[in-house]
Amino acid sequence: MMGRKIEQLRNAMDAILSDLNPNDYFNIVEFNSDVTVHELKEADDVQSDWKSHATLVPPSRASPENINKAKVIVSELDVSGVTNIFNALDVAINLVRQDVPEANESESTVGNAGTKGTVTNIEHGINKKKELERMIIFLTDGD
């Protein structure tokens, strides 16, 4: 993925990240010859070796701070290798099978973009549990 294609991917990811709701959860999975599940703390370390992450990290809540960190990671995506689509899909499927972290008791709205779990919604004194929707948004250059 080069030139215009990487810029289109970055623009699409920026729009997707900007559309997340505060109670959504997400992961960023980069794939080329390798598959990398990014941790948002990478955005804080300019010298980080981003290619070393082979583990499935828990999803991150779509807070404004986490969205900004994700945008930094996306802006640093580099062109290299081939399109390892099989392993990327395998990792993505394993990620959406994970439960989201427990919601704080004070949180009362629900939503999700990226994984599934149960969040308690306290509405007019009635506890309700709502299943969060699993979603994989898969972007590639098509080559």
C-alpha atoms as a PDB file:
ATOM      1  CA  MET A   1       0.000   0.000   0.000  1.00  0.00           C
ATOM      2  CA  MET A   2       1.680   3.175  -1.148  1.00  0.00           C
ATOM      3  CA  GLY A   3       1.041   6.858  -1.684  1.00  0.00           C
ATOM      4  CA  ARG A   4      -2.638   7.543  -2.296  1.00  0.00           C
ATOM      5  CA  LYS A   5      -3.789   4.187  -0.884  1.00  0.00           C
ATOM      6  CA  ILE A   6      -2.127   4.633   2.515  1.00  0.00           C
ATOM      7  CA  GLU A   7      -3.521   8.167   2.715  1.00  0.00           C
ATOM      8  CA  GLN A   8      -7.022   6.857   1.915  1.00  0.00           C
ATOM      9  CA  LEU A   9      -6.648   4.243   4.661  1.00  0.00           C
ATOM     10  CA  ARG A  10      -5.519   6.870   7.169  1.00  0.00           C
ATOM     11  CA  ASN A  11      -8.428   9.150   6.227  1.00  0.00           C
ATOM     12  CA  ALA A  12     -10.932   6.296   6.519  1.00  0.00           C
ATOM     13  CA  MET A  13      -9.541   5.269   9.922  1.00  0.00           C
ATOM     14  CA  ASP A  14      -9.653   8.878  11.111  1.00  0.00           C
ATOM     15  CA  ALA A  15     -13.346   9.063  10.147  1.00  0.00           C
ATOM     16  CA  ILE A  16     -14.132   5.698  11.784  1.00  0.00           C
ATOM     17  CA  LEU A  17     -12.339   6.642  15.005  1.00  0.00           C
ATOM     18  CA  SER A  18     -14.070  10.041  15.061  1.00  0.00           C
ATOM     19  CA  ASP A  19     -17.461   8.302  14.811  1.00  0.00           C
ATOM     20  CA  LEU A  20     -16.957   6.097  17.883  1.00  0.00           C
ATOM     21  CA  ASN A  21     -19.137   6.739  20.919  1.00  0.00           C
ATOM     22  CA  PRO A  22     -17.654   7.070  24.433  1.00  0.00           C
ATOM     23  CA  ASN A  23     -18.960   3.635  25.457  1.00  0.00           C
ATOM     24  CA  ASP A  24     -17.615   1.837  22.381  1.00  0.00           C
ATOM     25  CA  TYR A  25     -14.536  -0.370  22.571  1.00  0.00           C
ATOM     26  CA  PHE A  26     -11.965  -0.939  19.834  1.00  0.00           C
ATOM     27  CA  ASN A  27      -8.639  -2.466  18.830  1.00  0.00           C
ATOM     28  CA  ILE A  28      -6.295  -1.548  15.997  1.00  0.00           C
ATOM     29  CA  VAL A  29      -4.828  -4.495  14.094  1.00  0.00           C
ATOM     30  CA  GLU A  30      -2.166  -3.741  11.501  1.00  0.00           C
ATOM     31  CA  PHE A  31      -1.404  -6.376   8.926  1.00  0.00           C
ATOM     32  CA  ASN A  32       1.144  -6.757   6.162  1.00  0.00           C
ATOM     33  CA  SER A  33       3.552  -9.716   6.207  1.00  0.00           C
ATOM     34  CA  ASP A  34       2.983  -9.713   9.981  1.00  0.00           C
ATOM     35  CA  VAL A  35      -0.078  -9.046  12.120  1.00  0.00           C
ATOM     36  CA  THR A  36       0.227  -6.562  14.991  1.00  0.00           C
ATOM     37  CA  VAL A  37      -2.384  -5.745  17.632  1.00  0.00           C
ATOM     38  CA  HIS A  38      -1.480  -2.242  18.767  1.00  0.00           C
ATOM     39  CA  GLU A  39      -1.617  -1.058  22.354  1.00  0.00           C
ATOM     40  CA  LEU A  40      -2.637   2.582  22.688  1.00  0.00           C
ATOM     41  CA  LYS A  41       0.249   3.296  25.063  1.00  0.00           C
ATOM     42  CA  GLU A  42       2.476   3.016  21.956  1.00  0.00           C
ATOM     43  CA  ALA A  43       1.287   6.483  20.984  1.00  0.00           C
ATOM     44  CA  ASP A  44       3.067   7.852  24.072  1.00  0.00           C
ATOM     45  CA  ASP A  45       6.439   6.344  23.093  1.00  0.00           C
ATOM     46  CA  VAL A  46       7.826   7.711  19.838  1.00  0.00           C
ATOM     47  CA  GLN A  47      10.671   5.165  19.877  1.00  0.00           C
ATOM     48  CA  SER A  48       8.381   2.159  20.431  1.00  0.00           C
ATOM     49  CA  ASP A  49       9.002  -0.995  18.370  1.00  0.00           C
ATOM     50  CA  TRP A  50       5.413  -1.437  17.210  1.00  0.00           C
ATOM     51  CA  LYS A  51       6.111  -4.670  15.325  1.00  0.00           C
ATOM     52  CA  SER A  52       6.818  -6.701  18.464  1.00  0.00           C
ATOM     53  CA  HIS A  53       3.232  -7.176  19.707  1.00  0.00           C
ATOM     54  CA  ALA A  54       1.995 -10.692  19.053  1.00  0.00           C
ATOM     55  CA  THR A  55      -0.515 -10.896  21.899  1.00  0.00           C
ATOM     56  CA  LEU A  56      -4.215 -10.108  21.879  1.00  0.00           C
ATOM     57  CA  VAL A  57      -4.575  -6.961  23.950  1.00  0.00           C
ATOM     58  CA  PRO A  58      -7.942  -6.119  25.512  1.00  0.00           C
ATOM     59  CA  PRO A  59     -10.073  -3.587  23.672  1.00  0.00           C
ATOM     60  CA  SER A  60      -9.807   0.072  24.637  1.00  0.00           C
ATOM     61  CA  ARG A  61     -12.750   2.283  25.535  1.00  0.00           C
ATOM     62  CA  ALA A  62     -13.344   4.997  22.938  1.00  0.00           C
ATOM     63  CA  SER A  63     -12.527   7.906  25.236  1.00  0.00           C
ATOM     64  CA  PRO A  64     -11.311  11.115  23.565  1.00  0.00           C
ATOM     65  CA  GLU A  65      -7.802  10.393  24.886  1.00  0.00           C
ATOM     66  CA  ASN A  66      -7.784   6.833  23.490  1.00  0.00           C
ATOM     67  CA  ILE A  67      -9.159   7.978  20.137  1.00  0.00           C
ATOM     68  CA  ASN A  68      -6.357  10.555  19.884  1.00  0.00           C
ATOM     69  CA  LYS A  69      -3.769   7.880  20.716  1.00  0.00           C
ATOM     70  CA  ALA A  70      -5.268   5.575  18.085  1.00  0.00           C
ATOM     71  CA  LYS A  71      -5.051   8.360  15.510  1.00  0.00           C
ATOM     72  CA  VAL A  72      -1.339   8.764  16.300  1.00  0.00           C
ATOM     73  CA  ILE A  73      -0.817   5.033  15.737  1.00  0.00           C
ATOM     74  CA  VAL A  74      -2.756   5.145  12.452  1.00  0.00           C
ATOM     75  CA  SER A  75      -0.739   8.163  11.281  1.00  0.00           C
ATOM     76  CA  GLU A  76       2.453   6.133  11.802  1.00  0.00           C
ATOM     77  CA  LEU A  77       1.338   3.059   9.829  1.00  0.00           C
ATOM     78  CA  ASP A  78       3.992   2.226   7.275  1.00  0.00           C
ATOM     79  CA  VAL A  79       4.014   0.455   3.937  1.00  0.00           C
ATOM     80  CA  SER A  80       5.784  -2.900   4.078  1.00  0.00           C
ATOM     81  CA  GLY A  81       5.412  -6.569   3.220  1.00  0.00           C
ATOM     82  CA  VAL A  82       2.485  -8.374   1.669  1.00  0.00           C
ATOM     83  CA  THR A  83      -1.218  -8.569   2.557  1.00  0.00           C
ATOM     84  CA  ASN A  84      -1.464 -11.325   5.191  1.00  0.00           C
ATOM     85  CA  ILE A  85      -5.263 -11.395   5.076  1.00  0.00           C
ATOM     86  CA  PHE A  86      -5.790 -14.871   6.587  1.00  0.00           C
ATOM     87  CA  ASN A  87      -3.847 -14.209   9.790  1.00  0.00           C
ATOM     88  CA  ALA A  88      -5.324 -10.713  10.096  1.00  0.00           C
ATOM     89  CA  LEU A  89      -8.876 -12.086   9.960  1.00  0.00           C
ATOM     90  CA  ASP A  90      -7.960 -14.853  12.407  1.00  0.00           C
ATOM     91  CA  VAL A  91      -6.634 -12.303  14.910  1.00  0.00           C
ATOM     92  CA  ALA A  92      -9.675 -10.039  14.407  1.00  0.00           C
ATOM     93  CA  ILE A  93     -12.075 -12.923  15.029  1.00  0.00           C
ATOM     94  CA  ASN A  94     -10.204 -13.874  18.200  1.00  0.00           C
ATOM     95  CA  LEU A  95     -10.340 -10.266  19.383  1.00  0.00           C
ATOM     96  CA  VAL A  96     -14.112  -9.961  18.973  1.00  0.00           C
ATOM     97  CA  ARG A  97     -14.554 -13.183  20.924  1.00  0.00           C
ATOM     98  CA  GLN A  98     -13.013 -11.517  23.980  1.00  0.00           C
ATOM     99  CA  ASP A  99     -15.288  -9.820  26.491  1.00  0.00           C
ATOM    100  CA  VAL A 100     -14.973  -6.101  27.026  1.00  0.00           C
ATOM    101  CA  PRO A 101     -13.636  -4.929  30.385  1.00  0.00           C
ATOM    102  CA  GLU A 102     -16.249  -4.525  33.119  1.00  0.00           C
ATOM    103  CA  ALA A 103     -18.051  -1.189  32.961  1.00  0.00           C
ATOM    104  CA  ASN A 104     -17.893   1.119  35.961  1.00  0.00           C
ATOM    105  CA  GLU A 105     -21.041   1.147  38.065  1.00  0.00           C
ATOM    106  CA  SER A 106     -21.532   4.837  37.288  1.00  0.00           C
ATOM    107  CA  GLU A 107     -21.694   4.227  33.537  1.00  0.00           C
ATOM    108  CA  SER A 108     -25.212   3.889  32.236  1.00  0.00           C
ATOM    109  CA  THR A 109     -25.101   3.922  28.452  1.00  0.00           C
ATOM    110  CA  VAL A 110     -24.046   1.102  26.180  1.00  0.00           C
ATOM    111  CA  GLY A 111     -22.423   0.693  22.793  1.00  0.00           C
ATOM    112  CA  ASN A 112     -19.636  -1.059  20.971  1.00  0.00           C
ATOM    113  CA  ALA A 113     -17.465  -0.961  17.918  1.00  0.00           C
ATOM    114  CA  GLY A 114     -15.051  -3.818  17.842  1.00  0.00           C
ATOM    115  CA  THR A 115     -15.897  -6.474  20.401  1.00  0.00           C
ATOM    116  CA  LYS A 116     -18.639  -7.960  22.524  1.00  0.00           C
ATOM    117  CA  GLY A 117     -19.528  -8.131  26.174  1.00  0.00           C
ATOM    118  CA  THR A 118     -22.275  -7.258  28.585  1.00  0.00           C
ATOM    119  CA  VAL A 119     -22.749  -3.787  30.017  1.00  0.00           C
ATOM    120  CA  THR A 120     -25.260  -2.945  32.725  1.00  0.00           C
ATOM    121  CA  ASN A 121     -27.573  -0.078  31.872  1.00  0.00           C
ATOM    122  CA  ILE A 122     -29.251   1.520  34.892  1.00  0.00           C
ATOM    123  CA  GLU A 123     -32.379   3.224  33.641  1.00  0.00           C
ATOM    124  CA  HIS A 124     -35.013   4.603  36.032  1.00  0.00           C
ATOM    125  CA  GLY A 125     -33.801   2.316  38.827  1.00  0.00           C
ATOM    126  CA  ILE A 126     -34.057  -0.873  36.723  1.00  0.00           C
ATOM    127  CA  ASN A 127     -30.903  -2.842  35.976  1.00  0.00           C
ATOM    128  CA  LYS A 128     -30.796  -4.021  32.378  1.00  0.00           C
ATOM    129  CA  LYS A 129     -28.062  -6.015  30.713  1.00  0.00           C
ATOM    130  CA  LYS A 130     -27.465  -5.405  27.046  1.00  0.00           C
ATOM    131  CA  GLU A 131     -25.279  -7.492  24.766  1.00  0.00           C
ATOM    132  CA  LEU A 132     -22.748  -5.377  22.880  1.00  0.00           C
ATOM    133  CA  GLU A 133     -22.476  -5.841  19.129  1.00  0.00           C
ATOM    134  CA  ARG A 134     -19.356  -7.431  17.648  1.00  0.00           C
ATOM    135  CA  MET A 135     -17.916  -5.670  14.641  1.00  0.00           C
ATOM    136  CA  ILE A 136     -14.836  -6.040  12.445  1.00  0.00           C
ATOM    137  CA  ILE A 137     -14.028  -3.154  10.116  1.00  0.00           C
ATOM    138  CA  PHE A 138     -11.513  -4.488   7.629  1.00  0.00           C
ATOM    139  CA  LEU A 139      -9.584  -2.022   5.436  1.00  0.00           C
ATOM    140  CA  THR A 140      -7.051  -3.107   2.816  1.00  0.00           C
ATOM    141  CA  ASP A 141      -5.570  -1.772  -0.403  1.00  0.00           C
ATOM    142  CA  GLY A 142      -7.006  -4.631  -2.444  1.00  0.00           C
ATOM    143  CA  ASP A 143      -3.628  -5.603  -3.933  1.00  0.00           C
END
